[in-house]
Amino acid sequence: MRLAVRLYQPKWTDAIHEEWISNVLQNRLELTLAQLTRTRELMNRHGGVNAWYLCMRL
């Protein structure tokens, strides 16, 4: 699995980020825009999937 993660590095566009953040804010009222902005930054910095999984386990 690690090899696959190294070979594939997702690139998240601003439109994708805006869409998922909007949807998460609508469906997870306990989360804040600040938390999701941090998640977005981690996704961009660390390649996406792993950061998304870890941050959504808040």
PDB file of N, CA and C in Angstrom:
ATOM      1  N   MET A   1       0.823  -1.193   0.000  1.00  0.00           N
ATOM      2  CA  MET A   1       0.000   0.000   0.000  1.00  0.00           C
ATOM      3  C   MET A   1       0.868   1.258   0.000  1.00  0.00           C
ATOM      4  N   ARG A   2       1.964   1.222   0.736  1.00  0.00           N
ATOM      5  CA  ARG A   2       2.830   2.405   0.773  1.00  0.00           C
ATOM      6  C   ARG A   2       3.375   2.746  -0.604  1.00  0.00           C
ATOM      7  N   LEU A   3       3.709   1.731  -1.376  1.00  0.00           N
ATOM      8  CA  LEU A   3       4.213   1.974  -2.721  1.00  0.00           C
ATOM      9  C   LEU A   3       3.145   2.678  -3.554  1.00  0.00           C
ATOM     10  N   ALA A   4       1.912   2.225  -3.448  1.00  0.00           N
ATOM     11  CA  ALA A   4       0.830   2.855  -4.206  1.00  0.00           C
ATOM     12  C   ALA A   4       0.658   4.307  -3.801  1.00  0.00           C
ATOM     13  N   VAL A   5       0.766   4.605  -2.516  1.00  0.00           N
ATOM     14  CA  VAL A   5       0.625   5.982  -2.047  1.00  0.00           C
ATOM     15  C   VAL A   5       1.759   6.839  -2.601  1.00  0.00           C
ATOM     16  N   ARG A   6       2.941   6.288  -2.676  1.00  0.00           N
ATOM     17  CA  ARG A   6       4.071   7.052  -3.209  1.00  0.00           C
ATOM     18  C   ARG A   6       3.929   7.301  -4.706  1.00  0.00           C
ATOM     19  N   LEU A   7       3.354   6.357  -5.431  1.00  0.00           N
ATOM     20  CA  LEU A   7       3.216   6.510  -6.873  1.00  0.00           C
ATOM     21  C   LEU A   7       2.086   7.453  -7.247  1.00  0.00           C
ATOM     22  N   TYR A   8       1.082   7.522  -6.421  1.00  0.00           N
ATOM     23  CA  TYR A   8      -0.075   8.363  -6.714  1.00  0.00           C
ATOM     24  C   TYR A   8      -0.197   9.461  -5.668  1.00  0.00           C
ATOM     25  N   GLN A   9       0.001  10.677  -6.084  1.00  0.00           N
ATOM     26  CA  GLN A   9      -0.139  11.820  -5.197  1.00  0.00           C
ATOM     27  C   GLN A   9      -1.311  12.664  -5.677  1.00  0.00           C
ATOM     28  N   PRO A  10      -2.453  12.612  -4.982  1.00  0.00           N
ATOM     29  CA  PRO A  10      -3.609  13.382  -5.431  1.00  0.00           C
ATOM     30  C   PRO A  10      -3.354  14.876  -5.389  1.00  0.00           C
ATOM     31  N   LYS A  11      -3.932  15.570  -6.315  1.00  0.00           N
ATOM     32  CA  LYS A  11      -3.862  17.032  -6.357  1.00  0.00           C
ATOM     33  C   LYS A  11      -5.279  17.557  -6.191  1.00  0.00           C
ATOM     34  N   TRP A  12      -5.478  18.341  -5.174  1.00  0.00           N
ATOM     35  CA  TRP A  12      -6.807  18.849  -4.865  1.00  0.00           C
ATOM     36  C   TRP A  12      -6.947  20.272  -5.390  1.00  0.00           C
ATOM     37  N   THR A  13      -7.959  20.492  -6.210  1.00  0.00           N
ATOM     38  CA  THR A  13      -8.199  21.842  -6.722  1.00  0.00           C
ATOM     39  C   THR A  13      -8.987  22.638  -5.686  1.00  0.00           C
ATOM     40  N   ASP A  14      -8.989  23.955  -5.855  1.00  0.00           N
ATOM     41  CA  ASP A  14      -9.770  24.807  -4.955  1.00  0.00           C
ATOM     42  C   ASP A  14     -11.250  24.456  -5.022  1.00  0.00           C
ATOM     43  N   ALA A  15     -11.736  24.126  -6.214  1.00  0.00           N
ATOM     44  CA  ALA A  15     -13.152  23.771  -6.375  1.00  0.00           C
ATOM     45  C   ALA A  15     -13.494  22.502  -5.593  1.00  0.00           C
ATOM     46  N   ILE A  16     -12.615  21.512  -5.625  1.00  0.00           N
ATOM     47  CA  ILE A  16     -12.840  20.277  -4.872  1.00  0.00           C
ATOM     48  C   ILE A  16     -12.871  20.580  -3.378  1.00  0.00           C
ATOM     49  N   HIS A  17     -11.903  21.364  -2.912  1.00  0.00           N
ATOM     50  CA  HIS A  17     -11.865  21.719  -1.491  1.00  0.00           C
ATOM     51  C   HIS A  17     -13.135  22.457  -1.076  1.00  0.00           C
ATOM     52  N   GLU A  18     -13.555  23.418  -1.876  1.00  0.00           N
ATOM     53  CA  GLU A  18     -14.754  24.187  -1.536  1.00  0.00           C
ATOM     54  C   GLU A  18     -15.978  23.279  -1.462  1.00  0.00           C
ATOM     55  N   GLU A  19     -16.056  22.320  -2.365  1.00  0.00           N
ATOM     56  CA  GLU A  19     -17.215  21.420  -2.378  1.00  0.00           C
ATOM     57  C   GLU A  19     -17.246  20.525  -1.140  1.00  0.00           C
ATOM     58  N   TRP A  20     -16.112  19.864  -0.827  1.00  0.00           N
ATOM     59  CA  TRP A  20     -16.160  18.947   0.315  1.00  0.00           C
ATOM     60  C   TRP A  20     -16.313  19.699   1.624  1.00  0.00           C
ATOM     61  N   ILE A  21     -15.675  20.873   1.742  1.00  0.00           N
ATOM     62  CA  ILE A  21     -15.806  21.647   2.977  1.00  0.00           C
ATOM     63  C   ILE A  21     -17.255  22.077   3.173  1.00  0.00           C
ATOM     64  N   SER A  22     -17.889  22.550   2.126  1.00  0.00           N
ATOM     65  CA  SER A  22     -19.291  22.961   2.202  1.00  0.00           C
ATOM     66  C   SER A  22     -20.176  21.797   2.640  1.00  0.00           C
ATOM     67  N   ASN A  23     -19.969  20.635   2.046  1.00  0.00           N
ATOM     68  CA  ASN A  23     -20.778  19.467   2.378  1.00  0.00           C
ATOM     69  C   ASN A  23     -20.532  18.984   3.806  1.00  0.00           C
ATOM     70  N   VAL A  24     -19.290  18.985   4.223  1.00  0.00           N
ATOM     71  CA  VAL A  24     -18.996  18.547   5.588  1.00  0.00           C
ATOM     72  C   VAL A  24     -19.604  19.509   6.607  1.00  0.00           C
ATOM     73  N   LEU A  25     -19.523  20.802   6.352  1.00  0.00           N
ATOM     74  CA  LEU A  25     -20.112  21.774   7.276  1.00  0.00           C
ATOM     75  C   LEU A  25     -21.627  21.600   7.382  1.00  0.00           C
ATOM     76  N   GLN A  26     -22.266  21.211   6.310  1.00  0.00           N
ATOM     77  CA  GLN A  26     -23.714  20.985   6.332  1.00  0.00           C
ATOM     78  C   GLN A  26     -24.092  19.722   7.091  1.00  0.00           C
ATOM     79  N   ASN A  27     -23.227  18.715   7.014  1.00  0.00           N
ATOM     80  CA  ASN A  27     -23.561  17.407   7.587  1.00  0.00           C
ATOM     81  C   ASN A  27     -22.918  17.108   8.931  1.00  0.00           C
ATOM     82  N   ARG A  28     -21.891  17.840   9.289  1.00  0.00           N
ATOM     83  CA  ARG A  28     -21.191  17.616  10.563  1.00  0.00           C
ATOM     84  C   ARG A  28     -21.158  18.932  11.319  1.00  0.00           C
ATOM     85  N   LEU A  29     -22.246  19.257  11.973  1.00  0.00           N
ATOM     86  CA  LEU A  29     -22.412  20.557  12.610  1.00  0.00           C
ATOM     87  C   LEU A  29     -21.417  20.800  13.739  1.00  0.00           C
ATOM     88  N   GLU A  30     -20.829  19.739  14.273  1.00  0.00           N
ATOM     89  CA  GLU A  30     -19.856  19.899  15.353  1.00  0.00           C
ATOM     90  C   GLU A  30     -18.484  20.356  14.856  1.00  0.00           C
ATOM     91  N   LEU A  31     -18.249  20.280  13.556  1.00  0.00           N
ATOM     92  CA  LEU A  31     -16.964  20.712  12.994  1.00  0.00           C
ATOM     93  C   LEU A  31     -17.037  22.173  12.584  1.00  0.00           C
ATOM     94  N   THR A  32     -15.902  22.844  12.665  1.00  0.00           N
ATOM     95  CA  THR A  32     -15.839  24.263  12.328  1.00  0.00           C
ATOM     96  C   THR A  32     -15.066  24.473  11.030  1.00  0.00           C
ATOM     97  N   LEU A  33     -15.256  25.648  10.466  1.00  0.00           N
ATOM     98  CA  LEU A  33     -14.507  26.008   9.264  1.00  0.00           C
ATOM     99  C   LEU A  33     -13.010  26.007   9.552  1.00  0.00           C
ATOM    100  N   ALA A  34     -12.614  26.440  10.727  1.00  0.00           N
ATOM    101  CA  ALA A  34     -11.191  26.444  11.096  1.00  0.00           C
ATOM    102  C   ALA A  34     -10.620  25.031  11.086  1.00  0.00           C
ATOM    103  N   GLN A  35     -11.355  24.058  11.602  1.00  0.00           N
ATOM    104  CA  GLN A  35     -10.884  22.672  11.598  1.00  0.00           C
ATOM    105  C   GLN A  35     -10.737  22.148  10.175  1.00  0.00           C
ATOM    106  N   LEU A  36     -11.716  22.460   9.345  1.00  0.00           N
ATOM    107  CA  LEU A  36     -11.673  21.960   7.972  1.00  0.00           C
ATOM    108  C   LEU A  36     -10.621  22.682   7.137  1.00  0.00           C
ATOM    109  N   THR A  37     -10.369  23.929   7.458  1.00  0.00           N
ATOM    110  CA  THR A  37      -9.288  24.657   6.783  1.00  0.00           C
ATOM    111  C   THR A  37      -7.950  24.018   7.121  1.00  0.00           C
ATOM    112  N   ARG A  38      -7.785  23.611   8.365  1.00  0.00           N
ATOM    113  CA  ARG A  38      -6.560  22.906   8.770  1.00  0.00           C
ATOM    114  C   ARG A  38      -6.445  21.587   8.018  1.00  0.00           C
ATOM    115  N   THR A  39      -7.555  20.860   7.922  1.00  0.00           N
ATOM    116  CA  THR A  39      -7.557  19.603   7.175  1.00  0.00           C
ATOM    117  C   THR A  39      -7.158  19.836   5.719  1.00  0.00           C
ATOM    118  N   ARG A  40      -7.701  20.888   5.133  1.00  0.00           N
ATOM    119  CA  ARG A  40      -7.375  21.242   3.746  1.00  0.00           C
ATOM    120  C   ARG A  40      -5.875  21.483   3.595  1.00  0.00           C
ATOM    121  N   GLU A  41      -5.301  22.235   4.512  1.00  0.00           N
ATOM    122  CA  GLU A  41      -3.866  22.520   4.458  1.00  0.00           C
ATOM    123  C   GLU A  41      -3.052  21.244   4.583  1.00  0.00           C
ATOM    124  N   LEU A  42      -3.465  20.338   5.473  1.00  0.00           N
ATOM    125  CA  LEU A  42      -2.756  19.068   5.624  1.00  0.00           C
ATOM    126  C   LEU A  42      -2.892  18.198   4.379  1.00  0.00           C
ATOM    127  N   MET A  43      -4.069  18.204   3.790  1.00  0.00           N
ATOM    128  CA  MET A  43      -4.270  17.434   2.559  1.00  0.00           C
ATOM    129  C   MET A  43      -3.331  17.929   1.466  1.00  0.00           C
ATOM    130  N   ASN A  44      -3.219  19.234   1.331  1.00  0.00           N
ATOM    131  CA  ASN A  44      -2.341  19.801   0.302  1.00  0.00           C
ATOM    132  C   ASN A  44      -0.877  19.512   0.607  1.00  0.00           C
ATOM    133  N   ARG A  45      -0.518  19.579   1.867  1.00  0.00           N
ATOM    134  CA  ARG A  45       0.875  19.393   2.257  1.00  0.00           C
ATOM    135  C   ARG A  45       1.311  17.937   2.196  1.00  0.00           C
ATOM    136  N   HIS A  46       0.433  17.014   2.578  1.00  0.00           N
ATOM    137  CA  HIS A  46       0.850  15.623   2.758  1.00  0.00           C
ATOM    138  C   HIS A  46       0.232  14.645   1.780  1.00  0.00           C
ATOM    139  N   GLY A  47      -0.375  15.128   0.736  1.00  0.00           N
ATOM    140  CA  GLY A  47      -0.818  14.226  -0.302  1.00  0.00           C
ATOM    141  C   GLY A  47      -2.250  13.763  -0.228  1.00  0.00           C
ATOM    142  N   GLY A  48      -3.009  14.224   0.723  1.00  0.00           N
ATOM    143  CA  GLY A  48      -4.437  14.002   0.646  1.00  0.00           C
ATOM    144  C   GLY A  48      -5.046  12.906   1.462  1.00  0.00           C
ATOM    145  N   VAL A  49      -4.995  11.697   0.985  1.00  0.00           N
ATOM    146  CA  VAL A  49      -5.816  10.630   1.553  1.00  0.00           C
ATOM    147  C   VAL A  49      -5.502  10.389   3.010  1.00  0.00           C
ATOM    148  N   ASN A  50      -4.253  10.229   3.374  1.00  0.00           N
ATOM    149  CA  ASN A  50      -3.908   9.957   4.759  1.00  0.00           C
ATOM    150  C   ASN A  50      -4.261  11.126   5.657  1.00  0.00           C
ATOM    151  N   ALA A  51      -4.032  12.337   5.215  1.00  0.00           N
ATOM    152  CA  ALA A  51      -4.356  13.513   6.017  1.00  0.00           C
ATOM    153  C   ALA A  51      -5.856  13.616   6.215  1.00  0.00           C
ATOM    154  N   TRP A  52      -6.620  13.361   5.168  1.00  0.00           N
ATOM    155  CA  TRP A  52      -8.085  13.402   5.265  1.00  0.00           C
ATOM    156  C   TRP A  52      -8.562  12.410   6.311  1.00  0.00           C
ATOM    157  N   TYR A  53      -8.075  11.178   6.249  1.00  0.00           N
ATOM    158  CA  TYR A  53      -8.496  10.133   7.171  1.00  0.00           C
ATOM    159  C   TYR A  53      -8.149  10.507   8.612  1.00  0.00           C
ATOM    160  N   LEU A  54      -6.945  10.966   8.821  1.00  0.00           N
ATOM    161  CA  LEU A  54      -6.517  11.299  10.184  1.00  0.00           C
ATOM    162  C   LEU A  54      -7.275  12.497  10.738  1.00  0.00           C
ATOM    163  N   CYS A  55      -7.482  13.516   9.946  1.00  0.00           N
ATOM    164  CA  CYS A  55      -8.130  14.722  10.440  1.00  0.00           C
ATOM    165  C   CYS A  55      -9.616  14.534  10.646  1.00  0.00           C
ATOM    166  N   MET A  56     -10.253  13.683   9.896  1.00  0.00           N
ATOM    167  CA  MET A  56     -11.684  13.478  10.056  1.00  0.00           C
ATOM    168  C   MET A  56     -11.988  12.629  11.290  1.00  0.00           C
ATOM    169  N   ARG A  57     -10.967  12.127  11.927  1.00  0.00           N
ATOM    170  CA  ARG A  57     -11.168  11.363  13.152  1.00  0.00           C
ATOM    171  C   ARG A  57     -11.043  12.255  14.377  1.00  0.00           C
ATOM    172  N   LEU A  58     -11.355  13.516  14.256  1.00  0.00           N
ATOM    173  CA  LEU A  58     -11.249  14.490  15.352  1.00  0.00           C
ATOM    174  C   LEU A  58     -12.083  14.082  16.540  1.00  0.00           C
TER     175      LEU A  58
END
